[in-house]
């Protein structure tokens, strides 16, 4: 696959990255997320399945009492 941000100049490689989002009351950090990363610009893209999983994880922490949550992306092989 090629990067849409680089207009085809970069190639997407599969890597494990860290996803961070601010949920208002809680900052969520998800480690070891399967990601497509551009070799040229570093742009990140997620498959539909990974995006859905990240949304489910984020929704589970929206009403969290803690300020920062750090979790590992679920390993489907386990």
PDB file of N, CA and C in Angstrom:
ATOM      1  N   UNK A   1       0.833  -1.181   0.000  1.00  0.00           N
ATOM      2  CA  UNK A   1       0.000   0.000   0.000  1.00  0.00           C
ATOM      3  C   UNK A   1       0.880   1.248   0.000  1.00  0.00           C
ATOM      4  N   UNK A   2       0.342   2.313  -0.562  1.00  0.00           N
ATOM      5  CA  UNK A   2       1.056   3.583  -0.568  1.00  0.00           C
ATOM      6  C   UNK A   2       0.314   4.595   0.288  1.00  0.00           C
ATOM      7  N   UNK A   3       1.033   5.598   0.733  1.00  0.00           N
ATOM      8  CA  UNK A   3       0.500   6.613   1.637  1.00  0.00           C
ATOM      9  C   UNK A   3      -0.340   7.634   0.869  1.00  0.00           C
ATOM     10  N   UNK A   4      -1.543   7.911   1.353  1.00  0.00           N
ATOM     11  CA  UNK A   4      -2.390   8.914   0.712  1.00  0.00           C
ATOM     12  C   UNK A   4      -1.894  10.327   1.016  1.00  0.00           C
ATOM     13  N   UNK A   5      -1.217  10.522   2.140  1.00  0.00           N
ATOM     14  CA  UNK A   5      -0.703  11.838   2.500  1.00  0.00           C
ATOM     15  C   UNK A   5       0.493  12.222   1.623  1.00  0.00           C
ATOM     16  N   UNK A   6       1.326  11.247   1.284  1.00  0.00           N
ATOM     17  CA  UNK A   6       2.523  11.499   0.461  1.00  0.00           C
ATOM     18  C   UNK A   6       2.223  11.390  -1.030  1.00  0.00           C
ATOM     19  N   UNK A   7       0.987  11.134  -1.362  1.00  0.00           N
ATOM     20  CA  UNK A   7       0.585  10.965  -2.773  1.00  0.00           C
ATOM     21  C   UNK A   7       1.383   9.858  -3.446  1.00  0.00           C
ATOM     22  N   UNK A   8       1.581   8.761  -2.732  1.00  0.00           N
ATOM     23  CA  UNK A   8       2.244   7.609  -3.305  1.00  0.00           C
ATOM     24  C   UNK A   8       3.753   7.582  -3.168  1.00  0.00           C
ATOM     25  N   UNK A   9       4.354   8.630  -2.573  1.00  0.00           N
ATOM     26  CA  UNK A   9       5.813   8.651  -2.418  1.00  0.00           C
ATOM     27  C   UNK A   9       6.275   7.743  -1.280  1.00  0.00           C
ATOM     28  N   UNK A  10       5.408   7.509  -0.305  1.00  0.00           N
ATOM     29  CA  UNK A  10       5.758   6.656   0.822  1.00  0.00           C
ATOM     30  C   UNK A  10       5.039   5.327   0.750  1.00  0.00           C
ATOM     31  N   UNK A  11       5.647   4.335   1.357  1.00  0.00           N
ATOM     32  CA  UNK A  11       5.089   2.987   1.400  1.00  0.00           C
ATOM     33  C   UNK A  11       4.657   2.713   2.833  1.00  0.00           C
ATOM     34  N   UNK A  12       3.511   2.039   3.020  1.00  0.00           N
ATOM     35  CA  UNK A  12       3.025   1.721   4.357  1.00  0.00           C
ATOM     36  C   UNK A  12       3.607   0.396   4.836  1.00  0.00           C
ATOM     37  N   UNK A  13       4.187   0.435   6.032  1.00  0.00           N
ATOM     38  CA  UNK A  13       4.736  -0.763   6.659  1.00  0.00           C
ATOM     39  C   UNK A  13       3.916  -1.084   7.900  1.00  0.00           C
ATOM     40  N   UNK A  14       3.768  -2.361   8.187  1.00  0.00           N
ATOM     41  CA  UNK A  14       3.061  -2.795   9.394  1.00  0.00           C
ATOM     42  C   UNK A  14       3.993  -2.695  10.588  1.00  0.00           C
ATOM     43  N   UNK A  15       3.555  -1.967  11.617  1.00  0.00           N
ATOM     44  CA  UNK A  15       4.333  -1.807  12.842  1.00  0.00           C
ATOM     45  C   UNK A  15       3.391  -1.786  14.036  1.00  0.00           C
ATOM     46  N   UNK A  16       3.948  -2.013  15.213  1.00  0.00           N
ATOM     47  CA  UNK A  16       3.202  -1.830  16.450  1.00  0.00           C
ATOM     48  C   UNK A  16       3.534  -0.444  16.977  1.00  0.00           C
ATOM     49  N   UNK A  17       2.500   0.356  17.239  1.00  0.00           N
ATOM     50  CA  UNK A  17       2.694   1.723  17.709  1.00  0.00           C
ATOM     51  C   UNK A  17       1.872   1.959  18.973  1.00  0.00           C
ATOM     52  N   UNK A  18       1.973   3.170  19.490  1.00  0.00           N
ATOM     53  CA  UNK A  18       1.198   3.586  20.659  1.00  0.00           C
ATOM     54  C   UNK A  18       0.156   4.598  20.215  1.00  0.00           C
ATOM     55  N   UNK A  19      -1.100   4.363  20.617  1.00  0.00           N
ATOM     56  CA  UNK A  19      -2.218   5.244  20.305  1.00  0.00           C
ATOM     57  C   UNK A  19      -2.568   6.026  21.556  1.00  0.00           C
ATOM     58  N   UNK A  20      -2.712   7.349  21.417  1.00  0.00           N
ATOM     59  CA  UNK A  20      -3.085   8.188  22.559  1.00  0.00           C
ATOM     60  C   UNK A  20      -4.279   9.044  22.185  1.00  0.00           C
ATOM     61  N   UNK A  21      -5.209   9.221  23.153  1.00  0.00           N
ATOM     62  CA  UNK A  21      -6.351  10.091  22.942  1.00  0.00           C
ATOM     63  C   UNK A  21      -6.782  10.713  24.260  1.00  0.00           C
ATOM     64  N   UNK A  22      -7.283  11.923  24.185  1.00  0.00           N
ATOM     65  CA  UNK A  22      -7.791  12.637  25.352  1.00  0.00           C
ATOM     66  C   UNK A  22      -9.305  12.466  25.380  1.00  0.00           C
ATOM     67  N   UNK A  23      -9.808  11.784  26.403  1.00  0.00           N
ATOM     68  CA  UNK A  23     -11.238  11.523  26.526  1.00  0.00           C
ATOM     69  C   UNK A  23     -11.943  12.560  27.392  1.00  0.00           C
ATOM     70  N   UNK A  24     -11.261  13.629  27.711  1.00  0.00           N
ATOM     71  CA  UNK A  24     -11.845  14.664  28.564  1.00  0.00           C
ATOM     72  C   UNK A  24     -11.407  14.490  30.006  1.00  0.00           C
ATOM     73  N   UNK A  25     -11.962  13.479  30.678  1.00  0.00           N
ATOM     74  CA  UNK A  25     -11.607  13.206  32.073  1.00  0.00           C
ATOM     75  C   UNK A  25     -10.394  12.294  32.188  1.00  0.00           C
ATOM     76  N   UNK A  26     -10.084  11.594  31.111  1.00  0.00           N
ATOM     77  CA  UNK A  26      -9.022  10.582  31.142  1.00  0.00           C
ATOM     78  C   UNK A  26      -8.213  10.635  29.848  1.00  0.00           C
ATOM     79  N   UNK A  27      -6.897  10.536  29.976  1.00  0.00           N
ATOM     80  CA  UNK A  27      -6.029  10.372  28.805  1.00  0.00           C
ATOM     81  C   UNK A  27      -5.772   8.872  28.665  1.00  0.00           C
ATOM     82  N   UNK A  28      -6.089   8.336  27.503  1.00  0.00           N
ATOM     83  CA  UNK A  28      -5.946   6.906  27.250  1.00  0.00           C
ATOM     84  C   UNK A  28      -4.738   6.653  26.365  1.00  0.00           C
ATOM     85  N   UNK A  29      -3.892   5.726  26.791  1.00  0.00           N
ATOM     86  CA  UNK A  29      -2.719   5.298  26.025  1.00  0.00           C
ATOM     87  C   UNK A  29      -2.863   3.801  25.775  1.00  0.00           C
ATOM     88  N   UNK A  30      -2.872   3.421  24.504  1.00  0.00           N
ATOM     89  CA  UNK A  30      -2.979   2.013  24.130  1.00  0.00           C
ATOM     90  C   UNK A  30      -1.664   1.624  23.459  1.00  0.00           C
ATOM     91  N   UNK A  31      -0.971   0.654  24.040  1.00  0.00           N
ATOM     92  CA  UNK A  31       0.330   0.218  23.529  1.00  0.00           C
ATOM     93  C   UNK A  31       0.169  -0.979  22.601  1.00  0.00           C
ATOM     94  N   UNK A  32       1.141  -1.140  21.706  1.00  0.00           N
ATOM     95  CA  UNK A  32       1.228  -2.305  20.818  1.00  0.00           C
ATOM     96  C   UNK A  32       0.047  -2.421  19.858  1.00  0.00           C
ATOM     97  N   UNK A  33      -0.328  -1.297  19.255  1.00  0.00           N
ATOM     98  CA  UNK A  33      -1.444  -1.266  18.313  1.00  0.00           C
ATOM     99  C   UNK A  33      -0.938  -1.576  16.905  1.00  0.00           C
ATOM    100  N   UNK A  34      -1.531  -2.567  16.211  1.00  0.00           N
ATOM    101  CA  UNK A  34      -1.139  -2.849  14.827  1.00  0.00           C
ATOM    102  C   UNK A  34      -1.487  -1.644  13.943  1.00  0.00           C
ATOM    103  N   UNK A  35      -0.472  -1.091  13.284  1.00  0.00           N
ATOM    104  CA  UNK A  35      -0.635   0.160  12.544  1.00  0.00           C
ATOM    105  C   UNK A  35       0.102   0.086  11.213  1.00  0.00           C
ATOM    106  N   UNK A  36      -0.452   0.766  10.204  1.00  0.00           N
ATOM    107  CA  UNK A  36       0.245   0.947   8.929  1.00  0.00           C
ATOM    108  C   UNK A  36       0.935   2.306   9.024  1.00  0.00           C
ATOM    109  N   UNK A  37       2.267   2.329   8.933  1.00  0.00           N
ATOM    110  CA  UNK A  37       3.035   3.566   9.093  1.00  0.00           C
ATOM    111  C   UNK A  37       3.788   3.860   7.793  1.00  0.00           C
ATOM    112  N   UNK A  38       3.671   5.115   7.323  1.00  0.00           N
ATOM    113  CA  UNK A  38       4.340   5.530   6.093  1.00  0.00           C
ATOM    114  C   UNK A  38       5.849   5.642   6.314  1.00  0.00           C
ATOM    115  N   UNK A  39       6.618   5.075   5.388  1.00  0.00           N
ATOM    116  CA  UNK A  39       8.083   5.130   5.479  1.00  0.00           C
ATOM    117  C   UNK A  39       8.610   6.521   5.148  1.00  0.00           C
ATOM    118  N   UNK A  40       7.813   7.350   4.484  1.00  0.00           N
ATOM    119  CA  UNK A  40       8.249   8.683   4.072  1.00  0.00           C
ATOM    120  C   UNK A  40       7.897   9.753   5.125  1.00  0.00           C
ATOM    121  N   UNK A  41       6.621   9.839   5.506  1.00  0.00           N
ATOM    122  CA  UNK A  41       6.169  10.940   6.360  1.00  0.00           C
ATOM    123  C   UNK A  41       5.768  10.523   7.774  1.00  0.00           C
ATOM    124  N   UNK A  42       5.655   9.219   8.016  1.00  0.00           N
ATOM    125  CA  UNK A  42       5.292   8.751   9.344  1.00  0.00           C
ATOM    126  C   UNK A  42       3.799   8.732   9.622  1.00  0.00           C
ATOM    127  N   UNK A  43       2.980   9.088   8.636  1.00  0.00           N
ATOM    128  CA  UNK A  43       1.526   9.061   8.793  1.00  0.00           C
ATOM    129  C   UNK A  43       1.084   7.661   9.224  1.00  0.00           C
ATOM    130  N   UNK A  44       0.100   7.622  10.131  1.00  0.00           N
ATOM    131  CA  UNK A  44      -0.400   6.343  10.636  1.00  0.00           C
ATOM    132  C   UNK A  44      -1.800   6.075  10.115  1.00  0.00           C
ATOM    133  N   UNK A  45      -2.068   4.813   9.806  1.00  0.00           N
ATOM    134  CA  UNK A  45      -3.397   4.393   9.373  1.00  0.00           C
ATOM    135  C   UNK A  45      -3.719   3.074  10.072  1.00  0.00           C
ATOM    136  N   UNK A  46      -5.012   2.882  10.358  1.00  0.00           N
ATOM    137  CA  UNK A  46      -5.457   1.671  11.038  1.00  0.00           C
ATOM    138  C   UNK A  46      -6.456   0.935  10.154  1.00  0.00           C
ATOM    139  N   UNK A  47      -6.439  -0.392  10.229  1.00  0.00           N
ATOM    140  CA  UNK A  47      -7.450  -1.167   9.528  1.00  0.00           C
ATOM    141  C   UNK A  47      -8.801  -0.904  10.194  1.00  0.00           C
ATOM    142  N   UNK A  48      -9.873  -1.257   9.521  1.00  0.00           N
ATOM    143  CA  UNK A  48     -11.207  -1.071  10.090  1.00  0.00           C
ATOM    144  C   UNK A  48     -11.361  -1.830  11.399  1.00  0.00           C
ATOM    145  N   UNK A  49     -10.846  -3.054  11.451  1.00  0.00           N
ATOM    146  CA  UNK A  49     -10.950  -3.864  12.672  1.00  0.00           C
ATOM    147  C   UNK A  49     -10.214  -3.215  13.840  1.00  0.00           C
ATOM    148  N   UNK A  50      -9.009  -2.703  13.579  1.00  0.00           N
ATOM    149  CA  UNK A  50      -8.225  -2.059  14.635  1.00  0.00           C
ATOM    150  C   UNK A  50      -8.921  -0.776  15.089  1.00  0.00           C
ATOM    151  N   UNK A  51      -9.440   0.012  14.154  1.00  0.00           N
ATOM    152  CA  UNK A  51     -10.149   1.247  14.505  1.00  0.00           C
ATOM    153  C   UNK A  51     -11.367   0.943  15.379  1.00  0.00           C
ATOM    154  N   UNK A  52     -12.105  -0.106  15.042  1.00  0.00           N
ATOM    155  CA  UNK A  52     -13.275  -0.495  15.855  1.00  0.00           C
ATOM    156  C   UNK A  52     -12.842  -0.920  17.250  1.00  0.00           C
ATOM    157  N   UNK A  53     -11.757  -1.666  17.339  1.00  0.00           N
ATOM    158  CA  UNK A  53     -11.256  -2.121  18.635  1.00  0.00           C
ATOM    159  C   UNK A  53     -10.797  -0.929  19.477  1.00  0.00           C
ATOM    160  N   UNK A  54     -10.107   0.029  18.866  1.00  0.00           N
ATOM    161  CA  UNK A  54      -9.669   1.229  19.588  1.00  0.00           C
ATOM    162  C   UNK A  54     -10.873   2.024  20.084  1.00  0.00           C
ATOM    163  N   UNK A  55     -11.926   2.100  19.273  1.00  0.00           N
ATOM    164  CA  UNK A  55     -13.145   2.799  19.687  1.00  0.00           C
ATOM    165  C   UNK A  55     -13.797   2.095  20.879  1.00  0.00           C
ATOM    166  N   UNK A  56     -13.833   0.774  20.850  1.00  0.00           N
ATOM    167  CA  UNK A  56     -14.405   0.025  21.975  1.00  0.00           C
ATOM    168  C   UNK A  56     -13.593   0.236  23.251  1.00  0.00           C
ATOM    169  N   UNK A  57     -12.271   0.215  23.117  1.00  0.00           N
ATOM    170  CA  UNK A  57     -11.405   0.452  24.275  1.00  0.00           C
ATOM    171  C   UNK A  57     -11.640   1.857  24.817  1.00  0.00           C
ATOM    172  N   UNK A  58     -11.673   2.851  23.932  1.00  0.00           N
ATOM    173  CA  UNK A  58     -11.886   4.234  24.364  1.00  0.00           C
ATOM    174  C   UNK A  58     -13.239   4.396  25.050  1.00  0.00           C
ATOM    175  N   UNK A  59     -14.273   3.789  24.498  1.00  0.00           N
ATOM    176  CA  UNK A  59     -15.609   3.888  25.106  1.00  0.00           C
ATOM    177  C   UNK A  59     -15.645   3.292  26.505  1.00  0.00           C
ATOM    178  N   UNK A  60     -14.836   2.275  26.746  1.00  0.00           N
ATOM    179  CA  UNK A  60     -14.827   1.641  28.065  1.00  0.00           C
ATOM    180  C   UNK A  60     -14.147   2.520  29.117  1.00  0.00           C
ATOM    181  N   UNK A  61     -13.407   3.551  28.682  1.00  0.00           N
ATOM    182  CA  UNK A  61     -12.716   4.440  29.620  1.00  0.00           C
ATOM    183  C   UNK A  61     -13.324   5.845  29.674  1.00  0.00           C
ATOM    184  N   UNK A  62     -14.399   6.100  28.928  1.00  0.00           N
ATOM    185  CA  UNK A  62     -14.982   7.452  28.877  1.00  0.00           C
ATOM    186  C   UNK A  62     -15.434   7.955  30.242  1.00  0.00           C
ATOM    187  N   UNK A  63     -15.931   7.077  31.083  1.00  0.00           N
ATOM    188  CA  UNK A  63     -16.411   7.480  32.403  1.00  0.00           C
ATOM    189  C   UNK A  63     -15.444   7.085  33.515  1.00  0.00           C
ATOM    190  N   UNK A  64     -14.200   6.873  33.157  1.00  0.00           N
ATOM    191  CA  UNK A  64     -13.196   6.445  34.135  1.00  0.00           C
ATOM    192  C   UNK A  64     -12.940   7.545  35.160  1.00  0.00           C
ATOM    193  N   UNK A  65     -12.648   7.123  36.365  1.00  0.00           N
ATOM    194  CA  UNK A  65     -12.339   8.057  37.448  1.00  0.00           C
ATOM    195  C   UNK A  65     -10.857   8.435  37.409  1.00  0.00           C
ATOM    196  N   UNK A  66     -10.046   7.619  36.767  1.00  0.00           N
ATOM    197  CA  UNK A  66      -8.603   7.862  36.711  1.00  0.00           C
ATOM    198  C   UNK A  66      -8.264   8.908  35.651  1.00  0.00           C
ATOM    199  N   UNK A  67      -7.149   9.594  35.828  1.00  0.00           N
ATOM    200  CA  UNK A  67      -6.742  10.626  34.878  1.00  0.00           C
ATOM    201  C   UNK A  67      -5.995  10.062  33.683  1.00  0.00           C
ATOM    202  N   UNK A  68      -5.211   8.990  33.885  1.00  0.00           N
ATOM    203  CA  UNK A  68      -4.433   8.376  32.809  1.00  0.00           C
ATOM    204  C   UNK A  68      -4.625   6.868  32.866  1.00  0.00           C
ATOM    205  N   UNK A  69      -4.924   6.275  31.706  1.00  0.00           N
ATOM    206  CA  UNK A  69      -5.055   4.819  31.618  1.00  0.00           C
ATOM    207  C   UNK A  69      -4.081   4.335  30.549  1.00  0.00           C
ATOM    208  N   UNK A  70      -3.286   3.331  30.889  1.00  0.00           N
ATOM    209  CA  UNK A  70      -2.348   2.729  29.949  1.00  0.00           C
ATOM    210  C   UNK A  70      -2.695   1.257  29.833  1.00  0.00           C
ATOM    211  N   UNK A  71      -3.046   0.821  28.612  1.00  0.00           N
ATOM    212  CA  UNK A  71      -3.442  -0.563  28.387  1.00  0.00           C
ATOM    213  C   UNK A  71      -2.716  -1.104  27.159  1.00  0.00           C
ATOM    214  N   UNK A  72      -2.630  -2.408  27.065  1.00  0.00           N
ATOM    215  CA  UNK A  72      -2.088  -3.068  25.887  1.00  0.00           C
ATOM    216  C   UNK A  72      -3.224  -3.384  24.934  1.00  0.00           C
ATOM    217  N   UNK A  73      -2.976  -3.243  23.639  1.00  0.00           N
ATOM    218  CA  UNK A  73      -3.948  -3.650  22.635  1.00  0.00           C
ATOM    219  C   UNK A  73      -4.159  -5.150  22.792  1.00  0.00           C
ATOM    220  N   UNK A  74      -5.402  -5.628  22.712  1.00  0.00           N
ATOM    221  CA  UNK A  74      -5.658  -7.059  22.888  1.00  0.00           C
ATOM    222  C   UNK A  74      -4.930  -7.906  21.829  1.00  0.00           C
ATOM    223  N   UNK A  75      -4.242  -8.919  22.290  1.00  0.00           N
ATOM    224  CA  UNK A  75      -3.547  -9.848  21.400  1.00  0.00           C
ATOM    225  C   UNK A  75      -4.522 -10.929  20.988  1.00  0.00           C
ATOM    226  N   UNK A  76      -4.891 -10.954  19.724  1.00  0.00           N
ATOM    227  CA  UNK A  76      -5.886 -11.922  19.231  1.00  0.00           C
ATOM    228  C   UNK A  76      -5.354 -13.352  19.242  1.00  0.00           C
ATOM    229  N   UNK A  77      -4.047 -13.524  19.270  1.00  0.00           N
ATOM    230  CA  UNK A  77      -3.464 -14.873  19.286  1.00  0.00           C
ATOM    231  C   UNK A  77      -3.603 -15.511  20.659  1.00  0.00           C
ATOM    232  N   UNK A  78      -3.787 -14.705  21.689  1.00  0.00           N
ATOM    233  CA  UNK A  78      -3.869 -15.227  23.055  1.00  0.00           C
ATOM    234  C   UNK A  78      -5.234 -15.789  23.360  1.00  0.00           C
TER     235      UNK A  78
END
